[in-house]
Amino acid sequence: MASRPVVPPITLSSTFAFDTTVEMADAVRDKHPHLYSRWSNPTVDAVEAEIARMERADRSILCSSGMAAVHLALLAALGDGPGPIVALREIYGGTHELLNAMRWPAGVKVRHIGLADLMHEAEFLAPTAVLYLETPTNPLLRVVDVAAVRRRTPGGVRIVVDGTFGSPYLCRLLDHGADLVLHSATKYLGGHHDLVAGVVSGFEPLMGQVCRWRTLLGPTLDPAAAYRLWRGLQTLGLRMERQSRTAAELALFLSDHAKVQAVHHPSLPGHPDHGVCERLHRDGLGGGVLSFEVDSALDAARMVDRLEHIAVAPSLGGVHSLITWPAGVTHANVSEQEQRKAGILPGLLRLAVGVEDVAELRADLDQALG
């Protein structure tokens, strides 16, 4: 009678032994079986297979952070081509900084376009271009219709999408025409504020290039962190459902509050992408992040300092609710001019909803605003 473990064992070995030199040389040539954990590891492999199943991808490649995933995906998508990299302006500040700070291969230029111009600009991209998108966007929760963008782009353009805020539970972006989808697995995929990881998913042969860059650059995920990620994936749907519905309820509450100037969440009928969200996301759920505006940065600071339960912290996607100030934290290294072009005002706050009782969160926000 055969049996197998219900959860993947944690294989901490950095290296793997062989009976003969010839067998080891064969493993180097074929990259199989496991040889060295910078190349592959049984625990990491098991988690990659689980995410690939969720994404309906040929393959998923785990790495040490979301930013490493951005870097690997862009290098693979560029290949040997001249680019350019064309990126949404409305993206995470760290990605914005990476795009502009990296020394990309000779001749590759980077430029940013606003979401309002995306559909028009897509038609005129060079066939060698890489288009970098984010949906929902950070921090204004704009939802991009990736399939519509794909229909506009010339053949040859590779579309890379950061789907961290929605996770594959809300939208499988590969089904909509993305060539590569990446996530900061630190967020919803892990879900418990206890790991840092990234993942890139897609189809062969492009994923072979992602794996090659991970092996060469070395941002490999530790097996113990991979195990915690596997454990988080088992409750992804449960958490996303609760966090999305709580965020929608809080968005309604805040939109009626006298101290709040504007609320951004795609569940709201007044959100510019409400219809897109209803059409593309599972059950029309808008995700567990919302943002809202008060009069000024000073008002934002005063309000946040009065919170009693919601933690003042960066990141998102975990079981505890977190609030942050985008202008001074997530986009601190983006110029004020670029912040304003992206719609990030000094009084904007981003709330990442956890799994707490919605009444407790509403009461905390109410007393802090009051």
Protein backbone atom coordinates (compact mmCIF):
# COMPACT_ATOMS: atom_id res chain seq x y z
CA MET A 1 0.00 0.00 0.00
CA ALA A 2 1.47 3.37 -1.07
CA SER A 3 0.92 6.72 0.60
CA ARG A 4 2.16 10.28 0.15
CA PRO A 5 2.37 13.42 2.30
CA VAL A 6 -0.65 15.71 2.23
CA VAL A 7 1.60 18.78 2.41
CA PRO A 8 4.92 19.12 0.55
CA PRO A 9 7.94 18.26 2.71
CA ILE A 10 10.42 21.08 3.33
CA THR A 11 13.66 20.07 1.61
CA LEU A 12 16.30 22.34 3.12
CA SER A 13 19.28 20.82 1.34
CA SER A 14 21.20 23.31 -0.77
CA THR A 15 22.83 20.55 -2.81
CA PHE A 16 21.99 17.01 -3.92
CA ALA A 17 24.30 13.96 -4.08
CA PHE A 18 24.77 11.41 -6.88
CA ASP A 19 26.19 7.91 -7.02
CA THR A 20 28.58 8.71 -9.86
CA THR A 21 30.26 11.64 -11.59
CA VAL A 22 28.54 10.72 -14.85
CA GLU A 23 25.11 10.94 -13.22
CA MET A 24 25.96 14.36 -11.82
CA ALA A 25 27.24 15.55 -15.20
CA ASP A 26 24.02 14.32 -16.82
CA ALA A 27 22.03 16.33 -14.25
CA VAL A 28 24.02 19.47 -15.07
CA ARG A 29 23.29 19.04 -18.76
CA ASP A 30 19.58 18.20 -18.40
CA LYS A 31 18.86 20.30 -15.26
CA HIS A 32 17.12 17.19 -13.89
CA PRO A 33 16.91 15.68 -11.32
CA HIS A 34 17.65 18.20 -8.57
CA LEU A 35 21.28 19.24 -8.41
CA TYR A 36 21.55 22.57 -6.57
CA SER A 37 18.77 24.63 -4.97
CA ARG A 38 19.61 27.78 -6.92
CA TRP A 39 18.39 25.82 -9.95
CA SER A 40 15.53 23.81 -8.44
CA ASN A 41 14.31 22.35 -5.17
CA PRO A 42 11.52 19.81 -4.47
CA THR A 43 9.59 22.13 -2.13
CA VAL A 44 9.86 25.09 -4.48
CA ASP A 45 8.83 22.88 -7.41
CA ALA A 46 5.68 21.75 -5.58
CA VAL A 47 4.59 25.34 -4.91
CA GLU A 48 5.37 26.41 -8.48
CA ALA A 49 3.16 23.58 -9.77
CA GLU A 50 0.31 24.73 -7.51
CA ILE A 51 0.51 28.33 -8.76
CA ALA A 52 0.80 27.21 -12.40
CA ARG A 53 -2.41 25.23 -11.90
CA MET A 54 -4.16 28.31 -10.49
CA GLU A 55 -2.95 30.51 -13.34
CA ARG A 56 -3.56 27.86 -16.05
CA ALA A 57 0.06 28.40 -17.05
CA ASP A 58 2.63 26.05 -18.51
CA ARG A 59 4.95 26.99 -15.72
CA SER A 60 5.42 29.29 -12.72
CA ILE A 61 8.82 30.40 -11.44
CA LEU A 62 9.22 31.49 -7.80
CA CYS A 63 11.78 34.06 -6.74
CA SER A 64 12.84 35.97 -3.66
CA SER A 65 10.55 39.02 -3.92
CA GLY A 66 7.96 40.76 -6.05
CA MET A 67 10.59 43.17 -7.33
CA ALA A 68 12.74 40.24 -8.43
CA ALA A 69 9.70 38.91 -10.30
CA VAL A 70 9.31 42.26 -12.11
CA HIS A 71 12.98 42.21 -13.10
CA LEU A 72 12.98 38.60 -14.32
CA ALA A 73 9.76 39.05 -16.30
CA LEU A 74 11.02 42.16 -18.08
CA LEU A 75 14.38 40.60 -18.94
CA ALA A 76 12.66 37.54 -20.36
CA ALA A 77 10.09 39.58 -22.29
CA LEU A 78 12.79 41.81 -23.81
CA GLY A 79 14.89 38.89 -24.98
CA ASP A 80 17.42 40.17 -27.50
CA GLY A 81 15.03 42.78 -28.87
CA PRO A 82 15.52 46.54 -28.87
CA GLY A 83 12.37 47.27 -26.88
CA PRO A 84 11.18 49.82 -25.88
CA ILE A 85 9.61 49.11 -22.50
CA VAL A 86 6.34 51.02 -22.33
CA ALA A 87 4.88 51.09 -18.83
CA LEU A 88 1.71 52.44 -17.29
CA ARG A 89 2.27 55.57 -15.25
CA GLU A 90 -0.24 54.31 -12.65
CA ILE A 91 1.91 51.57 -11.12
CA TYR A 92 3.65 50.77 -7.84
CA GLY A 93 6.34 53.32 -7.01
CA GLY A 94 9.07 50.69 -6.57
CA THR A 95 8.42 49.39 -10.08
CA HIS A 96 8.47 52.94 -11.43
CA GLU A 97 11.86 53.46 -9.79
CA LEU A 98 13.23 50.13 -11.07
CA LEU A 99 12.20 50.89 -14.64
CA ASN A 100 13.99 54.21 -14.60
CA ALA A 101 17.05 53.22 -12.56
CA MET A 102 17.99 49.95 -14.31
CA ARG A 103 20.61 49.89 -17.03
CA TRP A 104 18.67 47.88 -19.57
CA PRO A 105 20.40 46.30 -22.59
CA ALA A 106 21.92 48.83 -24.99
CA GLY A 107 19.32 50.78 -26.92
CA VAL A 108 16.32 49.82 -24.78
CA LYS A 109 14.36 52.92 -23.79
CA VAL A 110 11.69 53.23 -21.12
CA ARG A 111 8.68 55.50 -21.35
CA HIS A 112 5.48 55.86 -19.34
CA ILE A 113 1.94 56.35 -20.57
CA GLY A 114 -1.20 57.24 -18.67
CA LEU A 115 -4.13 54.86 -18.45
CA ALA A 116 -6.28 57.35 -20.34
CA ASP A 117 -3.96 57.03 -23.35
CA LEU A 118 -3.34 53.29 -23.14
CA MET A 119 -5.78 52.06 -25.78
CA HIS A 120 -4.66 54.65 -28.31
CA GLU A 121 -0.95 54.16 -27.63
CA ALA A 122 -1.24 50.37 -27.87
CA GLU A 123 -2.00 50.56 -31.59
CA PHE A 124 1.29 52.28 -32.38
CA LEU A 125 3.72 50.17 -30.36
CA ALA A 126 6.72 48.72 -32.16
CA PRO A 127 6.41 44.94 -32.67
CA THR A 128 9.49 44.52 -30.44
CA ALA A 129 8.00 46.51 -27.55
CA VAL A 130 7.29 45.21 -24.07
CA LEU A 131 4.11 46.66 -22.54
CA TYR A 132 4.07 46.65 -18.74
CA LEU A 133 0.68 46.87 -17.03
CA GLU A 134 -0.71 46.59 -13.52
CA THR A 135 -4.29 45.64 -12.63
CA PRO A 136 -5.82 46.63 -10.30
CA THR A 137 -3.39 49.51 -10.05
CA ASN A 138 -1.61 50.70 -6.94
CA PRO A 139 -3.02 52.75 -5.21
CA LEU A 140 -6.10 53.96 -7.16
CA LEU A 141 -7.48 50.52 -8.04
CA ARG A 142 -7.92 51.09 -11.76
CA VAL A 143 -8.86 47.88 -13.59
CA VAL A 144 -7.24 47.29 -16.99
CA ASP A 145 -9.04 45.26 -19.66
CA VAL A 146 -5.97 43.30 -20.75
CA ALA A 147 -7.86 41.45 -23.49
CA ALA A 148 -8.95 44.73 -25.06
CA VAL A 149 -5.38 46.01 -24.92
CA ARG A 150 -4.14 42.79 -26.53
CA ARG A 151 -6.57 43.24 -29.42
CA ARG A 152 -5.09 46.69 -30.08
CA THR A 153 -1.41 45.79 -29.97
CA PRO A 154 0.57 44.74 -33.06
CA GLY A 155 1.81 41.16 -33.29
CA GLY A 156 5.08 40.62 -31.50
CA VAL A 157 4.38 42.97 -28.59
CA ARG A 158 4.82 41.17 -25.30
CA ILE A 159 2.47 42.13 -22.48
CA VAL A 160 3.70 41.73 -18.90
CA VAL A 161 1.12 42.27 -16.16
CA ASP A 162 1.46 42.66 -12.41
CA GLY A 163 -1.70 41.07 -11.00
CA THR A 164 -0.78 41.31 -7.30
CA PHE A 165 -3.86 43.26 -6.18
CA GLY A 166 -6.33 40.80 -7.73
CA SER A 167 -4.47 37.48 -7.48
CA PRO A 168 -5.34 34.59 -9.81
CA TYR A 169 -8.45 34.03 -7.71
CA LEU A 170 -10.11 37.19 -9.01
CA CYS A 171 -8.72 37.17 -12.56
CA ARG A 172 -6.50 34.79 -14.54
CA LEU A 173 -4.71 37.34 -16.67
CA LEU A 174 -3.04 34.78 -18.95
CA ASP A 175 -6.55 33.91 -20.17
CA HIS A 176 -6.92 37.56 -21.22
CA GLY A 177 -3.83 37.71 -23.40
CA ALA A 178 -0.94 38.50 -21.07
CA ASP A 179 2.35 36.86 -22.05
CA LEU A 180 3.71 36.91 -18.50
CA VAL A 181 1.87 37.50 -15.23
CA LEU A 182 3.71 38.30 -12.03
CA HIS A 183 2.73 38.68 -8.40
CA SER A 184 4.35 39.84 -5.24
CA ALA A 185 3.57 36.58 -3.46
CA THR A 186 4.33 38.43 -0.23
CA LYS A 187 0.80 39.77 -0.53
CA TYR A 188 -2.38 37.75 -1.16
CA LEU A 189 -0.74 34.50 -2.26
CA GLY A 190 1.12 34.20 1.05
CA GLY A 191 -1.49 36.13 2.96
CA HIS A 192 -0.07 36.12 6.50
CA HIS A 193 2.66 38.81 6.63
CA ASP A 194 5.31 36.14 7.22
CA LEU A 195 7.23 35.76 3.95
CA VAL A 196 8.72 37.72 1.06
CA ALA A 197 8.40 36.13 -2.38
CA GLY A 198 7.56 36.75 -6.02
CA VAL A 199 6.32 34.59 -8.88
CA VAL A 200 6.19 34.81 -12.67
CA SER A 201 3.80 32.61 -14.69
CA GLY A 202 3.32 32.05 -18.40
CA PHE A 203 3.88 29.70 -21.31
CA GLU A 204 6.89 28.07 -22.91
CA PRO A 205 9.33 28.92 -24.39
CA LEU A 206 9.20 32.33 -22.66
CA MET A 207 9.12 30.76 -19.20
CA GLY A 208 12.36 28.98 -20.01
CA GLN A 209 13.97 32.41 -20.27
CA VAL A 210 12.49 33.46 -16.91
CA CYS A 211 14.02 30.33 -15.36
CA ARG A 212 17.36 31.02 -17.04
CA TRP A 213 17.52 34.56 -15.61
CA ARG A 214 16.56 33.32 -12.14
CA THR A 215 19.37 30.75 -12.26
CA LEU A 216 21.93 33.29 -13.46
CA LEU A 217 20.96 36.18 -11.18
CA GLY A 218 20.19 33.97 -8.21
CA PRO A 219 16.99 35.41 -6.61
CA THR A 220 15.82 31.91 -5.68
CA LEU A 221 13.16 31.39 -3.02
CA ASP A 222 14.14 29.62 0.18
CA PRO A 223 12.32 26.26 0.64
CA ALA A 224 11.00 27.20 4.10
CA ALA A 225 9.43 30.37 2.68
CA ALA A 226 8.09 28.31 -0.23
CA TYR A 227 6.34 26.02 2.24
CA ARG A 228 4.69 28.97 4.00
CA LEU A 229 3.58 30.22 0.59
CA TRP A 230 2.04 26.81 -0.19
CA ARG A 231 0.16 26.95 3.10
CA GLY A 232 -1.15 30.44 2.29
CA LEU A 233 -2.34 29.34 -1.14
CA GLN A 234 -4.71 26.82 0.46
CA THR A 235 -6.88 29.64 1.86
CA LEU A 236 -6.48 32.17 -0.96
CA GLY A 237 -10.09 31.95 -2.12
CA LEU A 238 -11.52 32.19 1.39
CA ARG A 239 -9.42 35.24 2.20
CA MET A 240 -10.00 37.03 -1.11
CA GLU A 241 -13.76 36.62 -0.80
CA ARG A 242 -13.87 38.04 2.72
CA GLN A 243 -11.35 40.81 2.13
CA SER A 244 -13.01 41.92 -1.12
CA ARG A 245 -16.48 42.06 0.42
CA THR A 246 -15.20 43.87 3.51
CA ALA A 247 -13.38 46.40 1.33
CA ALA A 248 -16.54 47.02 -0.68
CA GLU A 249 -18.54 47.62 2.50
CA LEU A 250 -15.93 49.99 3.91
CA ALA A 251 -15.74 51.83 0.57
CA LEU A 252 -19.48 52.51 0.80
CA PHE A 253 -19.12 53.69 4.39
CA LEU A 254 -16.25 56.03 3.58
CA SER A 255 -17.94 57.44 0.48
CA ASP A 256 -20.72 58.77 2.75
CA HIS A 257 -18.37 60.17 5.39
CA ALA A 258 -18.21 63.95 5.69
CA LYS A 259 -14.42 63.98 6.25
CA VAL A 260 -13.65 61.95 3.10
CA GLN A 261 -13.27 63.71 -0.25
CA ALA A 262 -13.13 60.66 -2.54
CA VAL A 263 -13.01 56.87 -2.36
CA HIS A 264 -11.36 54.56 -4.89
CA HIS A 265 -12.59 50.96 -5.14
CA PRO A 266 -13.95 49.28 -8.29
CA SER A 267 -16.99 47.93 -6.43
CA LEU A 268 -18.37 51.47 -6.26
CA PRO A 269 -20.75 52.36 -9.14
CA GLY A 270 -18.97 55.72 -9.53
CA HIS A 271 -15.54 54.16 -10.04
CA PRO A 272 -14.37 54.63 -13.67
CA ASP A 273 -13.75 50.88 -14.06
CA HIS A 274 -16.77 49.54 -12.19
CA GLY A 275 -18.19 47.92 -15.32
CA VAL A 276 -14.83 46.42 -16.32
CA CYS A 277 -14.45 44.95 -12.85
CA GLU A 278 -17.92 43.42 -12.92
CA ARG A 279 -17.19 41.86 -16.29
CA LEU A 280 -13.65 40.58 -15.70
CA HIS A 281 -13.31 39.75 -12.00
CA ARG A 282 -14.82 36.71 -10.34
CA ASP A 283 -18.29 37.69 -9.09
CA GLY A 284 -17.37 41.33 -9.79
CA LEU A 285 -15.23 41.47 -6.65
CA GLY A 286 -12.97 44.51 -6.46
CA GLY A 287 -10.24 43.11 -4.23
CA GLY A 288 -9.21 43.82 -0.66
CA VAL A 289 -7.51 47.21 -1.15
CA LEU A 290 -9.21 50.61 -1.28
CA SER A 291 -7.91 54.14 -1.13
CA PHE A 292 -9.52 57.34 0.03
CA GLU A 293 -8.70 61.02 0.15
CA VAL A 294 -8.88 63.55 2.97
CA ASP A 295 -8.14 67.27 2.70
CA SER A 296 -4.37 67.28 3.14
CA ALA A 297 -1.29 65.33 4.15
CA LEU A 298 -1.63 66.78 7.65
CA ASP A 299 -5.22 65.56 7.94
CA ALA A 300 -4.13 62.15 6.66
CA ALA A 301 -1.38 61.92 9.30
CA ARG A 302 -3.71 62.98 12.11
CA MET A 303 -6.34 60.47 11.06
CA VAL A 304 -3.86 57.59 10.76
CA ASP A 305 -2.27 58.38 14.13
CA ARG A 306 -5.66 58.00 15.81
CA LEU A 307 -6.29 54.48 14.51
CA GLU A 308 -6.40 51.87 17.27
CA HIS A 309 -6.73 48.56 15.44
CA ILE A 310 -5.65 49.13 11.84
CA ALA A 311 -1.85 48.99 11.73
CA VAL A 312 0.25 51.74 10.14
CA ALA A 313 2.46 49.68 7.85
CA PRO A 314 3.44 49.16 4.22
CA SER A 315 2.43 46.06 2.23
CA LEU A 316 -1.01 44.49 1.86
CA GLY A 317 -2.81 41.23 1.32
CA GLY A 318 -2.38 39.70 4.78
CA VAL A 319 -4.85 38.78 7.47
CA HIS A 320 -4.35 42.04 9.40
CA SER A 321 -5.58 45.40 8.08
CA LEU A 322 -2.84 47.88 7.17
CA ILE A 323 -2.93 51.54 6.18
CA THR A 324 -0.24 53.54 4.42
CA TRP A 325 0.37 56.96 2.90
CA PRO A 326 1.26 56.48 -0.79
CA ALA A 327 2.81 59.92 -1.39
CA GLY A 328 5.35 59.39 1.39
CA VAL A 329 5.77 55.61 1.40
CA THR A 330 4.93 53.45 -1.65
CA HIS A 331 5.69 56.28 -4.09
CA ALA A 332 8.20 58.24 -2.00
CA ASN A 333 10.89 57.95 -4.69
CA VAL A 334 8.56 59.09 -7.48
CA SER A 335 8.68 62.83 -8.18
CA GLU A 336 5.80 64.98 -7.02
CA GLN A 337 5.06 65.80 -10.66
CA GLU A 338 4.85 62.12 -11.58
CA GLN A 339 2.75 61.41 -8.49
CA ARG A 340 0.21 64.01 -9.55
CA LYS A 341 0.14 62.66 -13.11
CA ALA A 342 -0.70 59.27 -11.61
CA GLY A 343 -3.47 60.80 -9.47
CA ILE A 344 -1.65 60.44 -6.16
CA LEU A 345 -2.53 63.46 -4.02
CA PRO A 346 -1.00 64.41 -0.63
CA GLY A 347 -4.17 63.48 1.27
CA LEU A 348 -4.52 59.99 -0.25
CA LEU A 349 -4.45 56.95 2.05
CA ARG A 350 -4.38 53.28 1.02
CA LEU A 351 -6.20 50.76 3.20
CA ALA A 352 -5.42 47.07 2.77
CA VAL A 353 -8.24 45.18 4.44
CA GLY A 354 -7.55 42.06 6.49
CA VAL A 355 -9.96 39.39 7.67
CA GLU A 356 -11.20 41.16 10.81
CA ASP A 357 -14.87 41.81 11.50
CA VAL A 358 -16.09 44.61 9.26
CA ALA A 359 -17.89 46.37 12.12
CA GLU A 360 -14.62 46.60 14.07
CA LEU A 361 -12.82 48.14 11.11
CA ARG A 362 -15.65 50.56 10.39
CA ALA A 363 -15.69 51.72 14.01
CA ASP A 364 -11.93 52.26 14.01
CA LEU A 365 -12.08 54.35 10.83
CA ASP A 366 -15.05 56.33 12.13
CA GLN A 367 -13.42 57.29 15.42
CA ALA A 368 -10.13 58.18 13.67
CA LEU A 369 -11.90 60.39 11.13
CA GLY A 370 -14.14 61.90 13.78
